[in-house]
Amino acid sequence: MARIDESRPFLPVRMAVLTMSDTRSLEQDKSGNVLASLITEAGHVLADRALVRDDVEAIRAQVSRWIEDPAIDVIITTGGTGFT
């Protein structure tokens, strides 16, 4: 298994966290809060965070905005989407 090469410099990544839920607010978003904390604790940048309802178009719109944003390198999603 590959290991972290400690001889290479750490490069922080700018991440956005998207929670999909019809029942939560950002304050109640446990998984989003954990992800945001882990991102910053690891030395990365929480570039943005959002919560959208379980709606394909709303999810697609938010992800598309972030894809176009050069200040975001990674998008992490959490929550139920109803896709299954």
N, C-alpha and C. Protein backbone atom coordinates (compact mmCIF):
# COMPACT_ATOMS: atom_id res chain seq x y z
N MET A 1 0.83 -1.17 0.00
CA MET A 1 0.00 0.00 0.00
C MET A 1 0.89 1.25 0.00
N ALA A 2 0.50 2.25 -0.75
CA ALA A 2 1.26 3.49 -0.83
C ALA A 2 1.18 4.26 0.49
N ARG A 3 2.21 4.94 0.81
CA ARG A 3 2.28 5.75 2.03
C ARG A 3 2.51 7.20 1.64
N ILE A 4 2.29 8.10 2.59
CA ILE A 4 2.54 9.50 2.36
C ILE A 4 4.04 9.72 2.31
N ASP A 5 4.49 10.40 1.28
CA ASP A 5 5.91 10.70 1.13
C ASP A 5 6.20 11.98 1.91
N GLU A 6 6.77 11.84 3.09
CA GLU A 6 7.05 12.97 3.98
C GLU A 6 8.09 13.92 3.42
N SER A 7 8.83 13.50 2.41
CA SER A 7 9.85 14.38 1.83
C SER A 7 9.24 15.42 0.88
N ARG A 8 8.01 15.23 0.51
CA ARG A 8 7.35 16.17 -0.40
C ARG A 8 6.59 17.23 0.40
N PRO A 9 6.54 18.46 -0.09
CA PRO A 9 5.84 19.52 0.64
C PRO A 9 4.33 19.28 0.64
N PHE A 10 3.70 19.67 1.74
CA PHE A 10 2.24 19.57 1.85
C PHE A 10 1.62 20.68 1.02
N LEU A 11 0.65 20.34 0.20
CA LEU A 11 -0.08 21.31 -0.60
C LEU A 11 -1.55 21.27 -0.18
N PRO A 12 -2.03 22.31 0.51
CA PRO A 12 -3.43 22.31 0.92
C PRO A 12 -4.36 22.35 -0.29
N VAL A 13 -5.46 21.67 -0.16
CA VAL A 13 -6.46 21.60 -1.22
C VAL A 13 -7.67 22.42 -0.78
N ARG A 14 -8.27 23.14 -1.73
CA ARG A 14 -9.46 23.96 -1.45
C ARG A 14 -10.70 23.11 -1.73
N MET A 15 -11.48 22.84 -0.69
CA MET A 15 -12.61 21.92 -0.80
C MET A 15 -13.93 22.61 -0.51
N ALA A 16 -14.96 22.12 -1.17
CA ALA A 16 -16.33 22.55 -0.90
C ALA A 16 -17.12 21.33 -0.43
N VAL A 17 -18.00 21.53 0.53
CA VAL A 17 -18.82 20.45 1.08
C VAL A 17 -20.28 20.74 0.79
N LEU A 18 -20.93 19.79 0.13
CA LEU A 18 -22.35 19.92 -0.20
C LEU A 18 -23.14 18.85 0.54
N THR A 19 -24.09 19.28 1.34
CA THR A 19 -25.01 18.35 2.02
C THR A 19 -26.35 18.42 1.32
N MET A 20 -26.91 17.24 1.04
CA MET A 20 -28.21 17.15 0.42
C MET A 20 -29.20 16.62 1.44
N SER A 21 -30.21 17.44 1.76
CA SER A 21 -31.18 17.04 2.78
C SER A 21 -32.43 17.89 2.69
N ASP A 22 -33.55 17.25 2.91
CA ASP A 22 -34.83 17.97 3.01
C ASP A 22 -35.16 18.30 4.46
N THR A 23 -34.41 17.77 5.39
CA THR A 23 -34.79 17.88 6.80
C THR A 23 -33.78 18.61 7.68
N ARG A 24 -32.61 18.92 7.18
CA ARG A 24 -31.56 19.52 8.01
C ARG A 24 -31.32 20.98 7.62
N SER A 25 -30.76 21.71 8.58
CA SER A 25 -30.21 23.04 8.32
C SER A 25 -28.69 22.91 8.47
N LEU A 26 -27.94 23.95 8.11
CA LEU A 26 -26.49 23.88 8.28
C LEU A 26 -26.11 23.64 9.74
N GLU A 27 -26.87 24.22 10.66
CA GLU A 27 -26.58 24.04 12.08
C GLU A 27 -26.80 22.59 12.53
N GLN A 28 -27.75 21.89 11.91
CA GLN A 28 -28.08 20.51 12.27
C GLN A 28 -27.33 19.48 11.43
N ASP A 29 -26.51 19.92 10.53
CA ASP A 29 -25.84 19.06 9.57
C ASP A 29 -24.60 18.41 10.18
N LYS A 30 -24.81 17.28 10.88
CA LYS A 30 -23.70 16.62 11.58
C LYS A 30 -22.60 16.16 10.63
N SER A 31 -22.96 15.50 9.54
CA SER A 31 -21.93 14.99 8.63
C SER A 31 -21.17 16.13 7.96
N GLY A 32 -21.87 17.18 7.58
CA GLY A 32 -21.19 18.34 6.99
C GLY A 32 -20.27 19.02 7.97
N ASN A 33 -20.70 19.11 9.24
CA ASN A 33 -19.85 19.70 10.28
C ASN A 33 -18.58 18.88 10.49
N VAL A 34 -18.73 17.55 10.51
CA VAL A 34 -17.57 16.68 10.69
C VAL A 34 -16.61 16.84 9.51
N LEU A 35 -17.14 16.82 8.29
CA LEU A 35 -16.29 16.98 7.12
C LEU A 35 -15.56 18.32 7.13
N ALA A 36 -16.28 19.38 7.45
CA ALA A 36 -15.66 20.71 7.50
C ALA A 36 -14.53 20.74 8.53
N SER A 37 -14.77 20.15 9.69
CA SER A 37 -13.73 20.11 10.73
C SER A 37 -12.52 19.29 10.28
N LEU A 38 -12.77 18.12 9.71
CA LEU A 38 -11.66 17.28 9.26
C LEU A 38 -10.83 17.95 8.18
N ILE A 39 -11.49 18.67 7.29
CA ILE A 39 -10.79 19.38 6.21
C ILE A 39 -9.83 20.41 6.79
N THR A 40 -10.33 21.23 7.70
CA THR A 40 -9.48 22.29 8.25
C THR A 40 -8.42 21.72 9.20
N GLU A 41 -8.77 20.71 9.98
CA GLU A 41 -7.80 20.09 10.89
C GLU A 41 -6.65 19.45 10.13
N ALA A 42 -6.92 18.98 8.91
CA ALA A 42 -5.88 18.36 8.09
C ALA A 42 -5.03 19.39 7.37
N GLY A 43 -5.36 20.68 7.54
CA GLY A 43 -4.58 21.73 6.91
C GLY A 43 -5.07 22.17 5.56
N HIS A 44 -6.21 21.65 5.15
CA HIS A 44 -6.79 22.06 3.87
C HIS A 44 -7.69 23.27 4.08
N VAL A 45 -8.26 23.78 3.00
CA VAL A 45 -9.09 24.98 3.06
C VAL A 45 -10.54 24.61 2.77
N LEU A 46 -11.44 25.01 3.67
CA LEU A 46 -12.87 24.87 3.40
C LEU A 46 -13.27 26.08 2.57
N ALA A 47 -13.32 25.90 1.26
CA ALA A 47 -13.56 27.01 0.34
C ALA A 47 -15.02 27.44 0.33
N ASP A 48 -15.93 26.48 0.54
CA ASP A 48 -17.36 26.79 0.56
C ASP A 48 -18.11 25.61 1.14
N ARG A 49 -19.32 25.89 1.54
CA ARG A 49 -20.19 24.86 2.10
C ARG A 49 -21.62 25.24 1.81
N ALA A 50 -22.43 24.25 1.44
CA ALA A 50 -23.83 24.52 1.14
C ALA A 50 -24.69 23.34 1.52
N LEU A 51 -25.97 23.61 1.68
CA LEU A 51 -26.97 22.59 1.92
C LEU A 51 -28.09 22.83 0.92
N VAL A 52 -28.44 21.79 0.16
CA VAL A 52 -29.54 21.89 -0.79
C VAL A 52 -30.53 20.76 -0.54
N ARG A 53 -31.75 20.98 -0.96
CA ARG A 53 -32.78 19.95 -0.79
C ARG A 53 -32.48 18.76 -1.72
N ASP A 54 -33.12 17.64 -1.46
CA ASP A 54 -32.93 16.43 -2.26
C ASP A 54 -33.63 16.60 -3.61
N ASP A 55 -33.03 17.37 -4.47
CA ASP A 55 -33.61 17.67 -5.78
C ASP A 55 -32.46 17.65 -6.80
N VAL A 56 -32.61 16.82 -7.82
CA VAL A 56 -31.54 16.64 -8.79
C VAL A 56 -31.09 17.97 -9.39
N GLU A 57 -32.02 18.81 -9.77
CA GLU A 57 -31.66 20.08 -10.40
C GLU A 57 -30.95 21.01 -9.44
N ALA A 58 -31.38 21.05 -8.18
CA ALA A 58 -30.72 21.90 -7.18
C ALA A 58 -29.30 21.41 -6.92
N ILE A 59 -29.14 20.10 -6.83
CA ILE A 59 -27.81 19.52 -6.61
C ILE A 59 -26.92 19.81 -7.81
N ARG A 60 -27.44 19.57 -9.00
CA ARG A 60 -26.67 19.79 -10.23
C ARG A 60 -26.25 21.26 -10.34
N ALA A 61 -27.16 22.18 -10.00
CA ALA A 61 -26.85 23.60 -10.10
C ALA A 61 -25.70 23.99 -9.16
N GLN A 62 -25.75 23.51 -7.91
CA GLN A 62 -24.70 23.86 -6.95
C GLN A 62 -23.36 23.26 -7.36
N VAL A 63 -23.37 22.00 -7.74
CA VAL A 63 -22.12 21.35 -8.16
C VAL A 63 -21.56 22.05 -9.40
N SER A 64 -22.41 22.43 -10.34
CA SER A 64 -21.95 23.12 -11.55
C SER A 64 -21.30 24.46 -11.21
N ARG A 65 -21.88 25.21 -10.27
CA ARG A 65 -21.28 26.48 -9.85
C ARG A 65 -19.88 26.25 -9.30
N TRP A 66 -19.74 25.22 -8.48
CA TRP A 66 -18.43 24.94 -7.89
C TRP A 66 -17.44 24.43 -8.92
N ILE A 67 -17.89 23.67 -9.88
CA ILE A 67 -16.99 23.19 -10.94
C ILE A 67 -16.40 24.37 -11.69
N GLU A 68 -17.19 25.39 -11.91
CA GLU A 68 -16.74 26.58 -12.63
C GLU A 68 -15.87 27.50 -11.79
N ASP A 69 -15.85 27.32 -10.50
CA ASP A 69 -15.13 28.21 -9.58
C ASP A 69 -13.67 27.79 -9.47
N PRO A 70 -12.73 28.61 -9.94
CA PRO A 70 -11.32 28.23 -9.87
C PRO A 70 -10.77 28.19 -8.44
N ALA A 71 -11.52 28.69 -7.47
CA ALA A 71 -11.07 28.67 -6.08
C ALA A 71 -11.42 27.35 -5.39
N ILE A 72 -12.04 26.41 -6.11
CA ILE A 72 -12.41 25.12 -5.53
C ILE A 72 -11.74 24.00 -6.32
N ASP A 73 -11.01 23.16 -5.59
CA ASP A 73 -10.30 22.03 -6.22
C ASP A 73 -11.08 20.73 -6.10
N VAL A 74 -11.83 20.56 -4.99
CA VAL A 74 -12.49 19.30 -4.69
C VAL A 74 -13.89 19.58 -4.18
N ILE A 75 -14.85 18.75 -4.59
CA ILE A 75 -16.22 18.82 -4.09
C ILE A 75 -16.53 17.52 -3.37
N ILE A 76 -16.97 17.63 -2.12
CA ILE A 76 -17.36 16.46 -1.34
C ILE A 76 -18.86 16.57 -1.08
N THR A 77 -19.58 15.50 -1.34
CA THR A 77 -21.03 15.49 -1.08
C THR A 77 -21.35 14.52 0.04
N THR A 78 -22.41 14.85 0.76
CA THR A 78 -22.88 13.99 1.83
C THR A 78 -24.39 14.13 1.94
N GLY A 79 -25.03 13.14 2.48
CA GLY A 79 -26.48 13.21 2.67
C GLY A 79 -27.22 12.34 1.68
N GLY A 80 -28.54 12.29 1.88
CA GLY A 80 -29.40 11.49 1.03
C GLY A 80 -29.80 12.26 -0.21
N THR A 81 -29.84 11.57 -1.33
CA THR A 81 -30.22 12.24 -2.57
C THR A 81 -31.46 11.66 -3.21
N GLY A 82 -31.86 10.48 -2.79
CA GLY A 82 -33.00 9.85 -3.43
C GLY A 82 -32.68 9.23 -4.76
N PHE A 83 -31.40 9.24 -5.18
CA PHE A 83 -31.03 8.67 -6.46
C PHE A 83 -31.20 7.16 -6.50
N THR A 84 -31.08 6.51 -5.33
CA THR A 84 -31.17 5.06 -5.33
C THR A 84 -32.61 4.64 -5.38
